[in-house]
Amino acid sequence: MCLALAELLAKEALRNVLLLCGVLTAIVSMYMVLATAKKKQTADLLFGCRLDEQLQLGNARIAAMHDAQSPMKDLLLSCTEADRKEREAVKYVLNHWERVAVGIVQGIYHEEMLRQSNHSNVVSLYKKAKPFIDAVRYKEQKDTFYRHFEKMALSWDERPLKNLSTWPYFKKSA
């Protein structure tokens, strides 16, 4: 009787162990699928940005406006058609990066992938557009405009990219 009971327990224990292994495999698989999906979403975003002509045009206008004499914050006050187009270009770019930052916060995008590919652009854009952001916040009396973008840019600015000489791909062979 004891022998039969021992065999029964052994079989039940084996089934439980196998079931536990199956559950753990499923959990690990789901985690890996989610991580891969996040990176794919990020890659799609990166390639989509390259094809977004309005985003490219907006970035070029921000760079040109920053180098010009008139301050970027004055765009909000101006009523001319040219300034309206400039203002819309700035807003388009800032709204794009605000949505990207929200996507990072929500876990949709892979932040490190974006940081490695856009670090300099985002940090530079933030520094150039900061007067415009402050003017929008002042005008609307809300400090929430572009806050995720600002937080992302400041965070990335505190974490500069490594020099090429520190990357394993670029180390000189002995």
Protein backbone atom coordinates (compact mmCIF):
# COMPACT_ATOMS: atom_id res chain seq x y z
CA MET A 1 0.00 0.00 0.00
CA CYS A 2 2.84 2.42 0.89
CA LEU A 3 4.58 1.64 -2.36
CA ALA A 4 1.45 2.38 -4.40
CA LEU A 5 0.95 5.65 -2.54
CA ALA A 6 4.58 6.66 -3.12
CA GLU A 7 4.21 5.97 -6.85
CA LEU A 8 1.01 8.00 -7.00
CA LEU A 9 2.63 10.95 -5.21
CA ALA A 10 5.64 10.74 -7.46
CA LYS A 11 3.48 10.89 -10.54
CA GLU A 12 1.44 13.79 -9.17
CA ALA A 13 4.62 15.65 -8.19
CA LEU A 14 6.04 15.06 -11.64
CA ARG A 15 2.90 16.43 -13.25
CA ASN A 16 3.03 19.49 -11.01
CA VAL A 17 6.66 20.10 -11.85
CA LEU A 18 5.92 19.75 -15.55
CA LEU A 19 2.95 22.09 -15.24
CA LEU A 20 5.09 24.63 -13.39
CA CYS A 21 7.75 24.41 -16.11
CA GLY A 22 5.09 24.99 -18.76
CA VAL A 23 3.71 28.03 -16.95
CA LEU A 24 7.18 29.51 -16.48
CA THR A 25 7.98 28.95 -20.16
CA ALA A 26 4.77 30.72 -21.15
CA ILE A 27 5.54 33.68 -18.88
CA VAL A 28 9.09 34.04 -20.22
CA SER A 29 7.84 33.73 -23.80
CA MET A 30 5.25 36.46 -23.27
CA TYR A 31 7.89 38.76 -21.77
CA MET A 32 10.20 38.18 -24.73
CA VAL A 33 7.40 38.81 -27.23
CA LEU A 34 6.52 42.08 -25.49
CA ALA A 35 10.15 43.23 -25.50
CA THR A 36 10.47 42.39 -29.19
CA ALA A 37 7.20 44.16 -30.00
CA LYS A 38 8.39 47.30 -28.21
CA LYS A 39 11.60 47.34 -30.23
CA LYS A 40 9.68 46.76 -33.46
CA GLN A 41 7.34 49.67 -32.65
CA THR A 42 10.40 51.83 -32.04
CA ALA A 43 12.04 50.77 -35.29
CA ASP A 44 8.80 51.52 -37.17
CA LEU A 45 8.72 54.97 -35.56
CA LEU A 46 12.34 55.66 -36.48
CA PHE A 47 11.84 54.69 -40.11
CA GLY A 48 8.53 56.56 -40.25
CA CYS A 49 10.22 59.74 -39.01
CA ARG A 50 12.65 59.58 -41.89
CA LEU A 51 9.72 59.66 -44.31
CA ASP A 52 7.78 62.41 -42.52
CA GLU A 53 8.43 65.45 -44.71
CA GLN A 54 6.57 67.80 -42.38
CA LEU A 55 8.75 66.68 -39.46
CA GLN A 56 11.91 67.17 -41.52
CA LEU A 57 10.74 70.60 -42.66
CA GLY A 58 9.85 71.55 -39.07
CA ASN A 59 13.30 70.53 -37.83
CA ALA A 60 14.94 72.60 -40.56
CA ARG A 61 12.79 75.63 -39.71
CA ILE A 62 13.59 75.37 -36.01
CA ALA A 63 17.30 75.25 -36.79
CA ALA A 64 16.99 78.25 -39.11
CA MET A 65 14.86 80.24 -36.66
CA HIS A 66 17.23 79.59 -33.80
CA ASP A 67 20.08 81.05 -35.81
CA ALA A 68 18.02 84.06 -36.90
CA GLN A 69 17.73 87.36 -35.08
CA SER A 70 14.10 87.18 -33.90
CA PRO A 71 13.50 85.10 -30.78
CA MET A 72 11.43 81.96 -31.17
CA LYS A 73 9.05 82.98 -28.39
CA ASP A 74 7.89 85.99 -30.48
CA LEU A 75 6.24 83.57 -32.91
CA LEU A 76 3.27 83.26 -30.58
CA LEU A 77 2.59 87.00 -30.74
CA SER A 78 3.05 87.53 -34.44
CA CYS A 79 0.07 87.49 -36.81
CA THR A 80 1.84 87.33 -40.17
CA GLU A 81 1.27 84.36 -42.47
CA ALA A 82 4.97 83.50 -42.54
CA ASP A 83 5.18 83.46 -38.75
CA ARG A 84 2.00 81.38 -38.55
CA LYS A 85 3.65 78.76 -40.76
CA GLU A 86 6.79 78.87 -38.63
CA ARG A 87 4.71 78.52 -35.46
CA GLU A 88 2.85 75.51 -36.90
CA ALA A 89 6.15 73.89 -37.92
CA VAL A 90 7.52 74.31 -34.39
CA LYS A 91 4.33 72.94 -32.85
CA TYR A 92 4.35 69.96 -35.21
CA VAL A 93 7.87 68.95 -34.19
CA LEU A 94 7.27 69.54 -30.49
CA ASN A 95 3.97 67.63 -30.59
CA HIS A 96 5.72 64.76 -32.37
CA TRP A 97 8.36 64.48 -29.65
CA GLU A 98 5.76 64.92 -26.91
CA ARG A 99 3.85 61.92 -28.32
CA VAL A 100 7.08 59.92 -28.51
CA ALA A 101 7.87 60.78 -24.89
CA VAL A 102 4.37 59.76 -23.80
CA GLY A 103 4.84 56.52 -25.74
CA ILE A 104 8.03 55.87 -23.79
CA VAL A 105 6.28 56.57 -20.48
CA GLN A 106 3.44 54.22 -21.46
CA GLY A 107 5.87 51.46 -22.45
CA ILE A 108 5.11 51.54 -26.17
CA TYR A 109 8.59 52.58 -27.31
CA HIS A 110 12.06 51.40 -26.30
CA GLU A 111 13.69 54.47 -24.77
CA GLU A 112 17.30 53.35 -25.08
CA MET A 113 16.89 52.64 -28.79
CA LEU A 114 15.42 56.10 -29.32
CA ARG A 115 18.07 57.74 -27.14
CA GLN A 116 20.91 56.12 -29.05
CA SER A 117 19.50 57.21 -32.40
CA ASN A 118 18.15 60.68 -31.53
CA HIS A 119 20.06 61.90 -28.47
CA SER A 120 21.76 64.91 -30.04
CA ASN A 121 18.71 65.93 -32.06
CA VAL A 122 16.32 65.82 -29.11
CA VAL A 123 18.63 67.62 -26.69
CA SER A 124 19.45 70.29 -29.29
CA LEU A 125 15.78 70.71 -30.23
CA TYR A 126 14.83 71.16 -26.60
CA LYS A 127 17.48 73.82 -26.03
CA LYS A 128 16.43 75.70 -29.15
CA ALA A 129 12.70 75.43 -28.50
CA LYS A 130 12.79 76.12 -24.74
CA PRO A 131 11.84 79.83 -25.14
CA PHE A 132 8.89 78.81 -27.33
CA ILE A 133 7.78 76.17 -24.82
CA ASP A 134 7.98 78.70 -21.98
CA ALA A 135 6.00 81.23 -24.02
CA VAL A 136 3.26 78.66 -24.76
CA ARG A 137 3.05 77.77 -21.08
CA TYR A 138 2.87 81.43 -20.10
CA LYS A 139 0.27 82.28 -22.72
CA GLU A 140 -1.96 79.30 -21.85
CA GLN A 141 -1.27 79.54 -18.10
CA LYS A 142 -0.50 75.80 -17.98
CA ASP A 143 2.86 74.28 -17.21
CA THR A 144 1.86 70.90 -18.65
CA PHE A 145 2.57 71.73 -22.30
CA TYR A 146 5.41 69.54 -23.62
CA ARG A 147 6.28 68.34 -20.11
CA HIS A 148 7.02 64.76 -21.18
CA PHE A 149 9.25 65.97 -23.99
CA GLU A 150 11.04 68.31 -21.58
CA LYS A 151 11.57 65.57 -19.02
CA MET A 152 12.87 63.20 -21.70
CA ALA A 153 15.25 65.79 -23.18
CA LEU A 154 16.64 66.78 -19.78
CA SER A 155 17.06 63.13 -18.82
CA TRP A 156 18.90 62.39 -22.07
CA ASP A 157 21.07 65.47 -21.62
CA GLU A 158 22.22 64.10 -18.26
CA ARG A 159 23.19 60.80 -19.94
CA PRO A 160 25.44 61.60 -22.90
CA LEU A 161 26.22 58.92 -25.42
CA LYS A 162 29.48 57.06 -25.09
CA ASN A 163 32.42 57.96 -27.29
CA LEU A 164 33.00 55.65 -30.22
CA SER A 165 36.31 54.58 -28.70
CA THR A 166 34.44 52.98 -25.77
CA TRP A 167 32.17 50.87 -28.00
CA PRO A 168 33.27 47.27 -28.50
CA TYR A 169 32.74 47.62 -32.27
CA PHE A 170 35.35 50.35 -32.54
CA LYS A 171 38.06 49.06 -30.24
CA LYS A 172 41.38 48.69 -31.92
CA SER A 173 42.62 45.17 -32.26
CA ALA A 174 45.99 44.47 -30.71
